[in-house]
Amino acid sequence: CYAYAMSICLRYSESKEEAQEVLNDGFLKVFKNLDKFDFQKPFMYWLRRIMINTAIDYYRQNQNLRQNTDLQNAYSVAYDYNHAIEDITTQE
């Protein structure tokens, strides 16, 4: 059950650490909502749906953080590029 849930989380995450966070949040939701589970249906389908929804929720919550990180990386690359050009021109 753990390996199955982790494989789902890894597909929807950018790193193993992020997948573990999604997995923990997902299992918390599973345990909190176990009384709502219909025992006439397969448990794995229900678990899969919760893990996918949890991964989507996690992505939405951290979307602004990812955009800011991407922007910071872009500025860093541009800064490094500009300094490399300046170094080349001053050496000539």
Protein backbone atom coordinates (compact mmCIF):
# COMPACT_ATOMS: atom_id res chain seq x y z
CA CYS A 1 0.00 0.00 0.00
CA TYR A 2 2.84 2.41 0.90
CA ALA A 3 4.85 1.65 -2.24
CA TYR A 4 1.77 2.03 -4.43
CA ALA A 5 0.90 5.41 -2.89
CA MET A 6 4.52 6.58 -3.10
CA SER A 7 4.70 5.66 -6.79
CA ILE A 8 1.67 7.86 -7.43
CA CYS A 9 3.15 10.76 -5.47
CA LEU A 10 6.47 10.48 -7.29
CA ARG A 11 4.70 10.83 -10.64
CA TYR A 12 3.10 14.09 -9.53
CA SER A 13 6.11 15.60 -7.73
CA GLU A 14 9.38 17.19 -8.76
CA SER A 15 11.50 15.48 -6.11
CA LYS A 16 11.45 12.60 -3.68
CA GLU A 17 11.18 15.00 -0.73
CA GLU A 18 8.16 16.67 -2.27
CA ALA A 19 6.60 13.26 -2.95
CA GLN A 20 7.09 12.32 0.70
CA GLU A 21 5.29 15.48 1.81
CA VAL A 22 2.39 14.71 -0.53
CA LEU A 23 2.35 11.11 0.69
CA ASN A 24 2.18 12.18 4.35
CA ASP A 25 -0.60 14.66 3.64
CA GLY A 26 -2.43 12.05 1.60
CA PHE A 27 -2.28 9.38 4.29
CA LEU A 28 -3.48 11.91 6.83
CA LYS A 29 -6.52 12.51 4.62
CA VAL A 30 -7.03 8.76 4.23
CA PHE A 31 -7.07 8.19 7.99
CA LYS A 32 -9.29 11.20 8.65
CA ASN A 33 -11.82 10.06 6.04
CA LEU A 34 -11.70 6.31 6.53
CA ASP A 35 -15.24 6.39 7.90
CA LYS A 36 -16.41 7.73 4.52
CA PHE A 37 -14.85 4.85 2.57
CA ASP A 38 -17.32 2.47 0.92
CA PHE A 39 -16.00 -0.98 1.82
CA GLN A 40 -17.92 -2.48 -1.10
CA LYS A 41 -15.46 -0.78 -3.50
CA PRO A 42 -11.73 -1.39 -3.99
CA PHE A 43 -9.57 0.46 -1.47
CA MET A 44 -6.70 1.08 -3.92
CA TYR A 45 -8.88 3.15 -6.27
CA TRP A 46 -9.97 5.33 -3.37
CA LEU A 47 -6.37 5.66 -2.14
CA ARG A 48 -5.19 6.57 -5.65
CA ARG A 49 -7.81 9.30 -5.99
CA ILE A 50 -6.86 10.81 -2.63
CA MET A 51 -3.14 10.79 -3.46
CA ILE A 52 -3.71 12.42 -6.86
CA ASN A 53 -5.98 15.09 -5.38
CA THR A 54 -3.49 15.74 -2.59
CA ALA A 55 -0.69 16.14 -5.14
CA ILE A 56 -2.81 18.61 -7.11
CA ASP A 57 -3.60 20.54 -3.92
CA TYR A 58 0.09 20.61 -3.01
CA TYR A 59 0.99 21.90 -6.48
CA ARG A 60 -1.60 24.67 -6.28
CA GLN A 61 -0.45 25.73 -2.82
CA ASN A 62 3.19 25.92 -3.92
CA GLN A 63 2.71 27.29 -7.42
CA ASN A 64 3.67 30.87 -6.44
CA LEU A 65 6.78 29.58 -4.70
CA ARG A 66 7.81 27.72 -7.86
CA GLN A 67 7.23 30.80 -10.02
CA ASN A 68 9.33 32.95 -7.68
CA THR A 69 12.11 30.36 -7.69
CA ASP A 70 12.05 30.18 -11.49
CA LEU A 71 12.22 33.97 -11.68
CA GLN A 72 15.14 34.07 -9.25
CA ASN A 73 16.95 31.44 -11.33
CA ALA A 74 16.35 33.46 -14.49
CA TYR A 75 17.78 36.60 -12.84
CA SER A 76 20.77 34.61 -11.63
CA VAL A 77 21.49 33.23 -15.10
CA ALA A 78 21.13 36.69 -16.67
CA TYR A 79 23.41 38.21 -14.00
CA ASP A 80 26.06 35.53 -14.57
CA TYR A 81 25.80 35.98 -18.35
CA ASN A 82 26.21 39.75 -18.11
CA HIS A 83 29.26 39.43 -15.87
CA ALA A 84 30.79 36.83 -18.20
CA ILE A 85 30.36 39.23 -21.14
CA GLU A 86 31.91 42.06 -19.12
CA ASP A 87 34.87 39.85 -18.18
CA ILE A 88 35.43 38.90 -21.80
CA THR A 89 35.29 42.49 -23.04
CA THR A 90 37.65 43.78 -20.32
CA GLN A 91 40.20 41.05 -21.13
CA GLU A 92 40.36 42.07 -24.80
